[in-house]
Amino acid sequence: MTPRRDLAGAAILAAVALVPDLDLLLPVHRGPTHGVGAVAIAGAVAWMVSRRPGWGAAVALAWGSHILLDWLSNDTRPPLGVMALWPFTHDYYKASIEIFPPVSRRYWESRFWIYNLRAVVVELLILLPLTALIVSRYRSRARSSGPGDPPPPSGGAGDTDGISDRRARHGAR
């Protein structure tokens, strides 16, 4: 994959990770869009549209990462937590530790910007190093295998062209 496509894919996945918060427009924030059912639906739709199971998994992981991070945040508006196991249950779950501070939705208050700026700074201090680590590991793995490199050994698994490794080395008879 070229760097340009990698950047576009990363931007799409970042946007997907924000989609669960569209429920802020509804009366139930952190409801069904914050559950494993929504993760499965998003992944399945991405897989069907792209016809690539890897892309479906990436979309599901991006969506699920939002739920995980919301679960680890300080929620101050009832019901507290996320509906993480929707559609199996409508219960809300909240982590016993809170890594991320709460955000304010009271835009009319004077301290709204200060309160939310603090939350953004904490989130960036936690997530930017993690993101940098993931990107550096991805890039180092991509550099270690070029487009002309032979595929990894099959380890005995059946190959896709119907020719065994031995017959391919010695020529088909």
C-alpha atoms as a PDB file:
ATOM      1  CA  MET A   1       0.000   0.000   0.000  1.00  0.00           C
ATOM      2  CA  THR A   2       1.394   3.426  -0.884  1.00  0.00           C
ATOM      3  CA  PRO A   3       1.880   6.089   1.809  1.00  0.00           C
ATOM      4  CA  ARG A   4      -0.899   8.162   0.246  1.00  0.00           C
ATOM      5  CA  ARG A   5      -3.379   5.282   0.550  1.00  0.00           C
ATOM      6  CA  ASP A   6      -2.160   4.614   4.095  1.00  0.00           C
ATOM      7  CA  LEU A   7      -2.906   8.219   5.022  1.00  0.00           C
ATOM      8  CA  ALA A   8      -6.372   8.074   3.450  1.00  0.00           C
ATOM      9  CA  GLY A   9      -7.113   4.789   5.214  1.00  0.00           C
ATOM     10  CA  ALA A  10      -5.940   6.220   8.530  1.00  0.00           C
ATOM     11  CA  ALA A  11      -8.157   9.272   8.042  1.00  0.00           C
ATOM     12  CA  ILE A  12     -11.153   7.061   7.272  1.00  0.00           C
ATOM     13  CA  LEU A  13     -10.520   4.916  10.350  1.00  0.00           C
ATOM     14  CA  ALA A  14     -10.137   8.027  12.520  1.00  0.00           C
ATOM     15  CA  ALA A  15     -13.500   9.264  11.237  1.00  0.00           C
ATOM     16  CA  VAL A  16     -15.050   5.838  11.919  1.00  0.00           C
ATOM     17  CA  ALA A  17     -13.758   6.032  15.503  1.00  0.00           C
ATOM     18  CA  LEU A  18     -15.721   9.276  15.944  1.00  0.00           C
ATOM     19  CA  VAL A  19     -19.010   7.953  14.538  1.00  0.00           C
ATOM     20  CA  PRO A  20     -20.298   6.450  17.832  1.00  0.00           C
ATOM     21  CA  ASP A  21     -20.548   9.978  19.237  1.00  0.00           C
ATOM     22  CA  LEU A  22     -23.112  10.934  16.610  1.00  0.00           C
ATOM     23  CA  ASP A  23     -25.548   9.701  19.233  1.00  0.00           C
ATOM     24  CA  LEU A  24     -24.952  13.055  20.949  1.00  0.00           C
ATOM     25  CA  LEU A  25     -27.617  14.248  18.527  1.00  0.00           C
ATOM     26  CA  LEU A  26     -30.039  11.755  20.093  1.00  0.00           C
ATOM     27  CA  PRO A  27     -31.413  11.658  23.635  1.00  0.00           C
ATOM     28  CA  VAL A  28     -29.352   8.525  24.477  1.00  0.00           C
ATOM     29  CA  HIS A  29     -25.603   9.205  24.491  1.00  0.00           C
ATOM     30  CA  ARG A  30     -23.333   6.202  24.998  1.00  0.00           C
ATOM     31  CA  GLY A  31     -26.210   3.883  24.168  1.00  0.00           C
ATOM     32  CA  PRO A  32     -26.394   1.267  21.378  1.00  0.00           C
ATOM     33  CA  THR A  33     -23.748   3.002  19.235  1.00  0.00           C
ATOM     34  CA  HIS A  34     -21.328   2.229  22.082  1.00  0.00           C
ATOM     35  CA  GLY A  35     -21.967  -1.535  22.079  1.00  0.00           C
ATOM     36  CA  VAL A  36     -20.470  -4.664  20.563  1.00  0.00           C
ATOM     37  CA  GLY A  37     -23.493  -4.937  18.270  1.00  0.00           C
ATOM     38  CA  ALA A  38     -22.604  -1.619  16.641  1.00  0.00           C
ATOM     39  CA  VAL A  39     -18.983  -2.774  16.318  1.00  0.00           C
ATOM     40  CA  ALA A  40     -20.129  -5.945  14.528  1.00  0.00           C
ATOM     41  CA  ILE A  41     -22.497  -4.037  12.254  1.00  0.00           C
ATOM     42  CA  ALA A  42     -19.827  -1.471  11.301  1.00  0.00           C
ATOM     43  CA  GLY A  43     -17.284  -4.193  10.565  1.00  0.00           C
ATOM     44  CA  ALA A  44     -19.762  -6.253   8.550  1.00  0.00           C
ATOM     45  CA  VAL A  45     -20.860  -3.252   6.472  1.00  0.00           C
ATOM     46  CA  ALA A  46     -17.228  -2.298   5.764  1.00  0.00           C
ATOM     47  CA  TRP A  47     -16.451  -5.892   4.771  1.00  0.00           C
ATOM     48  CA  MET A  48     -19.472  -6.114   2.441  1.00  0.00           C
ATOM     49  CA  VAL A  49     -18.811  -2.725   0.825  1.00  0.00           C
ATOM     50  CA  SER A  50     -15.063  -3.208   0.368  1.00  0.00           C
ATOM     51  CA  ARG A  51     -15.146  -7.010  -0.083  1.00  0.00           C
ATOM     52  CA  ARG A  52     -12.023  -7.076   2.103  1.00  0.00           C
ATOM     53  CA  PRO A  53     -12.247  -8.852   5.472  1.00  0.00           C
ATOM     54  CA  GLY A  54      -9.153  -7.003   6.708  1.00  0.00           C
ATOM     55  CA  TRP A  55     -10.819  -3.671   6.109  1.00  0.00           C
ATOM     56  CA  GLY A  56     -13.932  -4.860   7.944  1.00  0.00           C
ATOM     57  CA  ALA A  57     -11.758  -5.848  10.909  1.00  0.00           C
ATOM     58  CA  ALA A  58      -9.971  -2.476  10.852  1.00  0.00           C
ATOM     59  CA  VAL A  59     -13.294  -0.600  10.886  1.00  0.00           C
ATOM     60  CA  ALA A  60     -14.564  -2.782  13.744  1.00  0.00           C
ATOM     61  CA  LEU A  61     -11.377  -2.130  15.735  1.00  0.00           C
ATOM     62  CA  ALA A  62     -11.584   1.622  15.118  1.00  0.00           C
ATOM     63  CA  TRP A  63     -15.214   1.691  16.275  1.00  0.00           C
ATOM     64  CA  GLY A  64     -14.423  -0.546  19.250  1.00  0.00           C
ATOM     65  CA  SER A  65     -11.494   1.644  20.309  1.00  0.00           C
ATOM     66  CA  HIS A  66     -13.933   4.511  20.830  1.00  0.00           C
ATOM     67  CA  ILE A  67     -16.044   2.359  23.124  1.00  0.00           C
ATOM     68  CA  LEU A  68     -13.001   1.246  25.108  1.00  0.00           C
ATOM     69  CA  LEU A  69     -11.787   4.824  25.564  1.00  0.00           C
ATOM     70  CA  ASP A  70     -15.256   6.041  26.595  1.00  0.00           C
ATOM     71  CA  TRP A  71     -15.445   3.167  29.084  1.00  0.00           C
ATOM     72  CA  LEU A  72     -12.182   4.420  30.621  1.00  0.00           C
ATOM     73  CA  SER A  73     -13.362   8.026  30.888  1.00  0.00           C
ATOM     74  CA  ASN A  74     -15.061   9.869  33.708  1.00  0.00           C
ATOM     75  CA  ASP A  75     -18.736  10.070  32.840  1.00  0.00           C
ATOM     76  CA  THR A  76     -20.725  12.658  34.772  1.00  0.00           C
ATOM     77  CA  ARG A  77     -24.147  12.397  33.135  1.00  0.00           C
ATOM     78  CA  PRO A  78     -26.545   9.573  33.987  1.00  0.00           C
ATOM     79  CA  PRO A  79     -26.777   6.874  32.970  1.00  0.00           C
ATOM     80  CA  LEU A  80     -23.094   6.459  33.801  1.00  0.00           C
ATOM     81  CA  GLY A  81     -20.915   4.318  31.542  1.00  0.00           C
ATOM     82  CA  VAL A  82     -21.455   2.779  28.122  1.00  0.00           C
ATOM     83  CA  MET A  83     -23.973   0.252  26.844  1.00  0.00           C
ATOM     84  CA  ALA A  84     -21.004  -1.976  25.948  1.00  0.00           C
ATOM     85  CA  LEU A  85     -22.845  -5.283  25.567  1.00  0.00           C
ATOM     86  CA  TRP A  86     -25.744  -4.025  23.446  1.00  0.00           C
ATOM     87  CA  PRO A  87     -27.737  -5.840  21.954  1.00  0.00           C
ATOM     88  CA  PHE A  88     -27.313  -8.597  24.548  1.00  0.00           C
ATOM     89  CA  THR A  89     -28.185  -6.261  27.413  1.00  0.00           C
ATOM     90  CA  HIS A  90     -29.183  -2.635  27.844  1.00  0.00           C
ATOM     91  CA  ASP A  91     -27.078  -2.265  31.005  1.00  0.00           C
ATOM     92  CA  TYR A  92     -24.421   0.422  31.234  1.00  0.00           C
ATOM     93  CA  TYR A  93     -20.855  -0.449  32.226  1.00  0.00           C
ATOM     94  CA  LYS A  94     -18.228   1.834  33.709  1.00  0.00           C
ATOM     95  CA  ALA A  95     -14.570   1.040  34.381  1.00  0.00           C
ATOM     96  CA  SER A  96     -13.447   1.139  37.992  1.00  0.00           C
ATOM     97  CA  ILE A  97     -10.516   3.347  36.938  1.00  0.00           C
ATOM     98  CA  GLU A  98     -10.912   6.601  35.064  1.00  0.00           C
ATOM     99  CA  ILE A  99      -8.005   7.502  32.827  1.00  0.00           C
ATOM    100  CA  PHE A 100      -9.645  10.318  30.904  1.00  0.00           C
ATOM    101  CA  PRO A 101     -11.274  13.344  32.574  1.00  0.00           C
ATOM    102  CA  PRO A 102     -14.896  14.232  31.865  1.00  0.00           C
ATOM    103  CA  VAL A 103     -15.882  16.766  29.235  1.00  0.00           C
ATOM    104  CA  SER A 104     -18.422  19.506  29.721  1.00  0.00           C
ATOM    105  CA  ARG A 105     -21.400  20.028  27.463  1.00  0.00           C
ATOM    106  CA  ARG A 106     -22.422  23.206  29.280  1.00  0.00           C
ATOM    107  CA  TYR A 107     -21.209  25.568  26.577  1.00  0.00           C
ATOM    108  CA  TRP A 108     -22.968  28.507  28.240  1.00  0.00           C
ATOM    109  CA  GLU A 109     -20.694  28.407  31.305  1.00  0.00           C
ATOM    110  CA  SER A 110     -17.565  30.555  31.397  1.00  0.00           C
ATOM    111  CA  ARG A 111     -15.301  27.674  32.424  1.00  0.00           C
ATOM    112  CA  PHE A 112     -16.499  25.427  29.568  1.00  0.00           C
ATOM    113  CA  TRP A 113     -13.379  26.064  27.436  1.00  0.00           C
ATOM    114  CA  ILE A 114     -10.905  25.663  30.286  1.00  0.00           C
ATOM    115  CA  TYR A 115     -12.571  22.472  31.478  1.00  0.00           C
ATOM    116  CA  ASN A 116     -12.589  20.901  28.004  1.00  0.00           C
ATOM    117  CA  LEU A 117      -9.114  22.157  27.093  1.00  0.00           C
ATOM    118  CA  ARG A 118      -7.790  20.288  30.134  1.00  0.00           C
ATOM    119  CA  ALA A 119      -9.569  17.112  28.951  1.00  0.00           C
ATOM    120  CA  VAL A 120      -8.109  17.465  25.444  1.00  0.00           C
ATOM    121  CA  VAL A 121      -4.575  17.986  26.792  1.00  0.00           C
ATOM    122  CA  VAL A 122      -4.818  14.869  28.994  1.00  0.00           C
ATOM    123  CA  GLU A 123      -6.172  12.800  26.099  1.00  0.00           C
ATOM    124  CA  LEU A 124      -3.371  13.986  23.800  1.00  0.00           C
ATOM    125  CA  LEU A 125      -0.692  13.286  26.418  1.00  0.00           C
ATOM    126  CA  ILE A 126      -1.978   9.720  26.723  1.00  0.00           C
ATOM    127  CA  LEU A 127      -2.948   8.909  23.142  1.00  0.00           C
ATOM    128  CA  LEU A 128      -0.222  10.620  21.068  1.00  0.00           C
ATOM    129  CA  PRO A 129       2.648   8.483  22.417  1.00  0.00           C
ATOM    130  CA  LEU A 130       0.513   5.365  21.963  1.00  0.00           C
ATOM    131  CA  THR A 131      -0.315   6.397  18.393  1.00  0.00           C
ATOM    132  CA  ALA A 132       3.344   7.157  17.657  1.00  0.00           C
ATOM    133  CA  LEU A 133       4.326   3.700  18.934  1.00  0.00           C
ATOM    134  CA  ILE A 134       1.724   1.964  16.764  1.00  0.00           C
ATOM    135  CA  VAL A 135       2.701   3.983  13.662  1.00  0.00           C
ATOM    136  CA  SER A 136       6.432   3.340  14.168  1.00  0.00           C
ATOM    137  CA  ARG A 137       5.862  -0.416  14.550  1.00  0.00           C
ATOM    138  CA  TYR A 138       3.666  -0.440  11.423  1.00  0.00           C
ATOM    139  CA  ARG A 139       6.262   1.491   9.406  1.00  0.00           C
ATOM    140  CA  SER A 140       9.152  -0.686  10.560  1.00  0.00           C
ATOM    141  CA  ARG A 141       7.214  -3.819   9.591  1.00  0.00           C
ATOM    142  CA  ALA A 142       6.338  -2.300   6.208  1.00  0.00           C
ATOM    143  CA  ARG A 143      10.004  -1.402   5.588  1.00  0.00           C
ATOM    144  CA  SER A 144      11.185  -4.905   6.452  1.00  0.00           C
ATOM    145  CA  SER A 145       9.209  -6.446   3.595  1.00  0.00           C
ATOM    146  CA  GLY A 146       9.227  -4.867   0.165  1.00  0.00           C
ATOM    147  CA  PRO A 147       6.928  -5.450  -2.782  1.00  0.00           C
ATOM    148  CA  GLY A 148       9.464  -7.748  -4.522  1.00  0.00           C
ATOM    149  CA  ASP A 149      10.121  -9.925  -1.476  1.00  0.00           C
ATOM    150  CA  PRO A 150       8.961 -13.537  -1.590  1.00  0.00           C
ATOM    151  CA  PRO A 151       5.887 -14.388   0.458  1.00  0.00           C
ATOM    152  CA  PRO A 152       6.459 -15.987   3.858  1.00  0.00           C
ATOM    153  CA  PRO A 153       6.591 -19.809   3.925  1.00  0.00           C
ATOM    154  CA  SER A 154       3.249 -21.541   4.113  1.00  0.00           C
ATOM    155  CA  GLY A 155       4.249 -23.747   7.028  1.00  0.00           C
ATOM    156  CA  GLY A 156       2.557 -26.737   5.450  1.00  0.00           C
ATOM    157  CA  ALA A 157      -0.749 -25.044   4.793  1.00  0.00           C
ATOM    158  CA  GLY A 158      -2.339 -25.628   1.416  1.00  0.00           C
ATOM    159  CA  ASP A 159      -1.365 -23.088  -1.189  1.00  0.00           C
ATOM    160  CA  THR A 160      -3.765 -21.211  -3.387  1.00  0.00           C
ATOM    161  CA  ASP A 161      -2.537 -22.182  -6.832  1.00  0.00           C
ATOM    162  CA  GLY A 162      -2.840 -25.948  -6.418  1.00  0.00           C
ATOM    163  CA  ILE A 163       0.884 -26.612  -6.862  1.00  0.00           C
ATOM    164  CA  SER A 164       2.850 -27.897  -3.902  1.00  0.00           C
ATOM    165  CA  ASP A 165       6.108 -26.179  -2.911  1.00  0.00           C
ATOM    166  CA  ARG A 166       8.081 -29.248  -4.016  1.00  0.00           C
ATOM    167  CA  ARG A 167       6.457 -29.401  -7.465  1.00  0.00           C
ATOM    168  CA  ALA A 168       6.949 -25.657  -7.899  1.00  0.00           C
ATOM    169  CA  ARG A 169      10.698 -25.989  -7.179  1.00  0.00           C
ATOM    170  CA  HIS A 170      11.238 -28.964  -9.474  1.00  0.00           C
ATOM    171  CA  GLY A 171       8.807 -27.975 -12.187  1.00  0.00           C
ATOM    172  CA  ALA A 172       5.394 -29.440 -12.816  1.00  0.00           C
ATOM    173  CA  ARG A 173       5.547 -32.894 -14.411  1.00  0.00           C
END
